[in-house]
Amino acid sequence: MNTPDFKACSEEELWRYVAWHLEGARIRSIIPFEGRIIRLLSPTDCVKDRLAAYIHWKRRSCYNQALLVCRRQKERVDLENVGRWCEKKGGSSVFRELVEQLSEPTSKP
């Protein structure tokens, strides 16, 4: 990832840059900021979070978000880790569906 122009970049661009480098260094961060806690999730943890919501509440939008992260961050999502996690959470069928959809062309989210 290219270094943004810190004088002109948006807040979103800055956080993307920070998160990219923290994840690349395998740092799972909790950052205190102005009395609040900011938790930075890795792409793998983000996928697990979205699948947890899908498994629990059956909201398809949560599954679609996990699928989107997998597609956009494919080189950074540890699918073996996600698969083991899904099995522990009773979501083996959800993981199989995810892997199946990831092997399809990306015309769908």
C-alpha atoms as a PDB file:
ATOM      1  CA  MET A   1       0.000   0.000   0.000  1.00  0.00           C
ATOM      2  CA  ASN A   2       1.285   3.439  -0.913  1.00  0.00           C
ATOM      3  CA  THR A   3       1.880   6.035   1.769  1.00  0.00           C
ATOM      4  CA  PRO A   4      -0.874   8.637   1.621  1.00  0.00           C
ATOM      5  CA  ASP A   5      -0.211  12.358   1.426  1.00  0.00           C
ATOM      6  CA  PHE A   6      -0.726  13.026   5.126  1.00  0.00           C
ATOM      7  CA  LYS A   7      -1.502  16.703   4.529  1.00  0.00           C
ATOM      8  CA  ALA A   8      -4.289  15.958   2.047  1.00  0.00           C
ATOM      9  CA  CYS A   9      -5.611  12.451   2.812  1.00  0.00           C
ATOM     10  CA  SER A  10      -9.024  11.785   4.313  1.00  0.00           C
ATOM     11  CA  GLU A  11      -9.477  10.215   7.724  1.00  0.00           C
ATOM     12  CA  GLU A  12     -10.637   7.005   6.026  1.00  0.00           C
ATOM     13  CA  GLU A  13      -7.487   6.861   3.883  1.00  0.00           C
ATOM     14  CA  LEU A  14      -5.351   7.347   6.978  1.00  0.00           C
ATOM     15  CA  TRP A  15      -7.071   4.548   8.926  1.00  0.00           C
ATOM     16  CA  ARG A  16      -6.839   2.196   5.948  1.00  0.00           C
ATOM     17  CA  TYR A  17      -3.101   2.868   5.816  1.00  0.00           C
ATOM     18  CA  VAL A  18      -2.679   2.311   9.568  1.00  0.00           C
ATOM     19  CA  ALA A  19      -4.803  -0.862   9.596  1.00  0.00           C
ATOM     20  CA  TRP A  20      -2.982  -2.246   6.534  1.00  0.00           C
ATOM     21  CA  HIS A  21       0.405  -1.904   8.185  1.00  0.00           C
ATOM     22  CA  LEU A  22      -0.700  -3.143  11.588  1.00  0.00           C
ATOM     23  CA  GLU A  23      -2.254  -6.239  10.043  1.00  0.00           C
ATOM     24  CA  GLY A  24       0.813  -6.785   7.883  1.00  0.00           C
ATOM     25  CA  ALA A  25       2.876  -6.880  11.077  1.00  0.00           C
ATOM     26  CA  ARG A  26       0.275  -9.244  12.603  1.00  0.00           C
ATOM     27  CA  ILE A  27      -0.598  -6.699  15.273  1.00  0.00           C
ATOM     28  CA  ARG A  28      -4.125  -7.066  16.561  1.00  0.00           C
ATOM     29  CA  SER A  29      -4.593  -3.711  18.167  1.00  0.00           C
ATOM     30  CA  ILE A  30      -6.714  -2.164  20.814  1.00  0.00           C
ATOM     31  CA  ILE A  31      -6.107   1.557  20.763  1.00  0.00           C
ATOM     32  CA  PRO A  32      -7.383   3.886  23.489  1.00  0.00           C
ATOM     33  CA  PHE A  33      -8.505   7.157  21.938  1.00  0.00           C
ATOM     34  CA  GLU A  34     -10.203  10.055  23.721  1.00  0.00           C
ATOM     35  CA  GLY A  35     -11.622   7.806  26.438  1.00  0.00           C
ATOM     36  CA  ARG A  36     -12.852   5.149  24.011  1.00  0.00           C
ATOM     37  CA  ILE A  37     -11.423   1.882  22.785  1.00  0.00           C
ATOM     38  CA  ILE A  38     -10.856   1.341  19.067  1.00  0.00           C
ATOM     39  CA  ARG A  39     -10.456  -2.316  18.108  1.00  0.00           C
ATOM     40  CA  LEU A  40      -8.777  -2.953  14.793  1.00  0.00           C
ATOM     41  CA  LEU A  41      -9.781  -6.282  13.315  1.00  0.00           C
ATOM     42  CA  SER A  42      -7.745  -8.248  10.841  1.00  0.00           C
ATOM     43  CA  PRO A  43      -9.590  -9.244   7.667  1.00  0.00           C
ATOM     44  CA  THR A  44      -9.779 -12.795   9.096  1.00  0.00           C
ATOM     45  CA  ASP A  45     -11.293 -11.555  12.368  1.00  0.00           C
ATOM     46  CA  CYS A  46     -13.708  -9.348  10.441  1.00  0.00           C
ATOM     47  CA  VAL A  47     -14.921 -12.367   8.442  1.00  0.00           C
ATOM     48  CA  LYS A  48     -15.398 -14.364  11.651  1.00  0.00           C
ATOM     49  CA  ASP A  49     -17.305 -11.461  13.225  1.00  0.00           C
ATOM     50  CA  ARG A  50     -19.667 -11.196  10.250  1.00  0.00           C
ATOM     51  CA  LEU A  51     -20.164 -14.973  10.091  1.00  0.00           C
ATOM     52  CA  ALA A  52     -20.872 -15.050  13.835  1.00  0.00           C
ATOM     53  CA  ALA A  53     -23.663 -12.543  13.268  1.00  0.00           C
ATOM     54  CA  TYR A  54     -24.983 -14.620  10.373  1.00  0.00           C
ATOM     55  CA  ILE A  55     -24.853 -17.871  12.337  1.00  0.00           C
ATOM     56  CA  HIS A  56     -26.575 -16.272  15.334  1.00  0.00           C
ATOM     57  CA  TRP A  57     -29.169 -13.988  13.724  1.00  0.00           C
ATOM     58  CA  LYS A  58     -29.463 -15.551  10.256  1.00  0.00           C
ATOM     59  CA  ARG A  59     -29.119 -12.137   8.621  1.00  0.00           C
ATOM     60  CA  ARG A  60     -27.993 -12.697   5.080  1.00  0.00           C
ATOM     61  CA  SER A  61     -26.488  -9.209   4.919  1.00  0.00           C
ATOM     62  CA  CYS A  62     -23.924 -10.294   7.534  1.00  0.00           C
ATOM     63  CA  TYR A  63     -22.951 -13.300   5.414  1.00  0.00           C
ATOM     64  CA  ASN A  64     -22.695 -11.068   2.340  1.00  0.00           C
ATOM     65  CA  GLN A  65     -20.349  -8.737   4.237  1.00  0.00           C
ATOM     66  CA  ALA A  66     -18.101 -11.693   5.141  1.00  0.00           C
ATOM     67  CA  LEU A  67     -18.099 -12.805   1.510  1.00  0.00           C
ATOM     68  CA  LEU A  68     -17.220  -9.302   0.343  1.00  0.00           C
ATOM     69  CA  VAL A  69     -14.267  -9.067   2.757  1.00  0.00           C
ATOM     70  CA  CYS A  70     -13.044 -12.478   1.581  1.00  0.00           C
ATOM     71  CA  ARG A  71     -13.196 -11.379  -2.038  1.00  0.00           C
ATOM     72  CA  ARG A  72     -11.594  -7.988  -1.547  1.00  0.00           C
ATOM     73  CA  GLN A  73      -8.934  -9.161   0.909  1.00  0.00           C
ATOM     74  CA  LYS A  74      -8.446 -12.705  -0.405  1.00  0.00           C
ATOM     75  CA  GLU A  75      -4.702 -12.759   0.144  1.00  0.00           C
ATOM     76  CA  ARG A  76      -5.160 -11.596   3.746  1.00  0.00           C
ATOM     77  CA  VAL A  77      -8.020 -13.799   4.964  1.00  0.00           C
ATOM     78  CA  ASP A  78      -6.883 -17.060   6.554  1.00  0.00           C
ATOM     79  CA  LEU A  79      -9.636 -19.397   5.356  1.00  0.00           C
ATOM     80  CA  GLU A  80      -8.228 -22.368   7.281  1.00  0.00           C
ATOM     81  CA  ASN A  81      -8.546 -20.344  10.469  1.00  0.00           C
ATOM     82  CA  VAL A  82     -12.106 -19.315   9.528  1.00  0.00           C
ATOM     83  CA  GLY A  83     -12.983 -22.948   8.751  1.00  0.00           C
ATOM     84  CA  ARG A  84     -11.757 -24.198  12.140  1.00  0.00           C
ATOM     85  CA  TRP A  85     -13.588 -21.368  13.870  1.00  0.00           C
ATOM     86  CA  CYS A  86     -16.838 -22.107  11.996  1.00  0.00           C
ATOM     87  CA  GLU A  87     -16.620 -25.769  12.957  1.00  0.00           C
ATOM     88  CA  LYS A  88     -16.282 -24.849  16.647  1.00  0.00           C
ATOM     89  CA  LYS A  89     -19.269 -22.493  16.376  1.00  0.00           C
ATOM     90  CA  GLY A  90     -21.530 -24.996  14.630  1.00  0.00           C
ATOM     91  CA  GLY A  91     -21.240 -23.224  11.298  1.00  0.00           C
ATOM     92  CA  SER A  92     -19.595 -25.872   9.123  1.00  0.00           C
ATOM     93  CA  SER A  93     -22.326 -25.587   6.505  1.00  0.00           C
ATOM     94  CA  VAL A  94     -21.897 -21.803   6.452  1.00  0.00           C
ATOM     95  CA  PHE A  95     -18.173 -22.221   5.812  1.00  0.00           C
ATOM     96  CA  ARG A  96     -18.798 -24.732   3.015  1.00  0.00           C
ATOM     97  CA  GLU A  97     -21.191 -22.266   1.383  1.00  0.00           C
ATOM     98  CA  LEU A  98     -18.616 -19.472   1.727  1.00  0.00           C
ATOM     99  CA  VAL A  99     -15.868 -21.541   0.090  1.00  0.00           C
ATOM    100  CA  GLU A 100     -18.274 -22.562  -2.670  1.00  0.00           C
ATOM    101  CA  GLN A 101     -19.233 -18.969  -3.399  1.00  0.00           C
ATOM    102  CA  LEU A 102     -15.617 -17.834  -3.335  1.00  0.00           C
ATOM    103  CA  SER A 103     -14.865 -20.270  -6.134  1.00  0.00           C
ATOM    104  CA  GLU A 104     -17.623 -18.730  -8.310  1.00  0.00           C
ATOM    105  CA  PRO A 105     -17.110 -15.672 -10.531  1.00  0.00           C
ATOM    106  CA  THR A 106     -17.423 -12.408  -8.614  1.00  0.00           C
ATOM    107  CA  SER A 107     -20.609 -11.108 -10.228  1.00  0.00           C
ATOM    108  CA  LYS A 108     -22.391 -11.534  -6.870  1.00  0.00           C
ATOM    109  CA  PRO A 109     -21.307  -9.941  -3.544  1.00  0.00           C
END
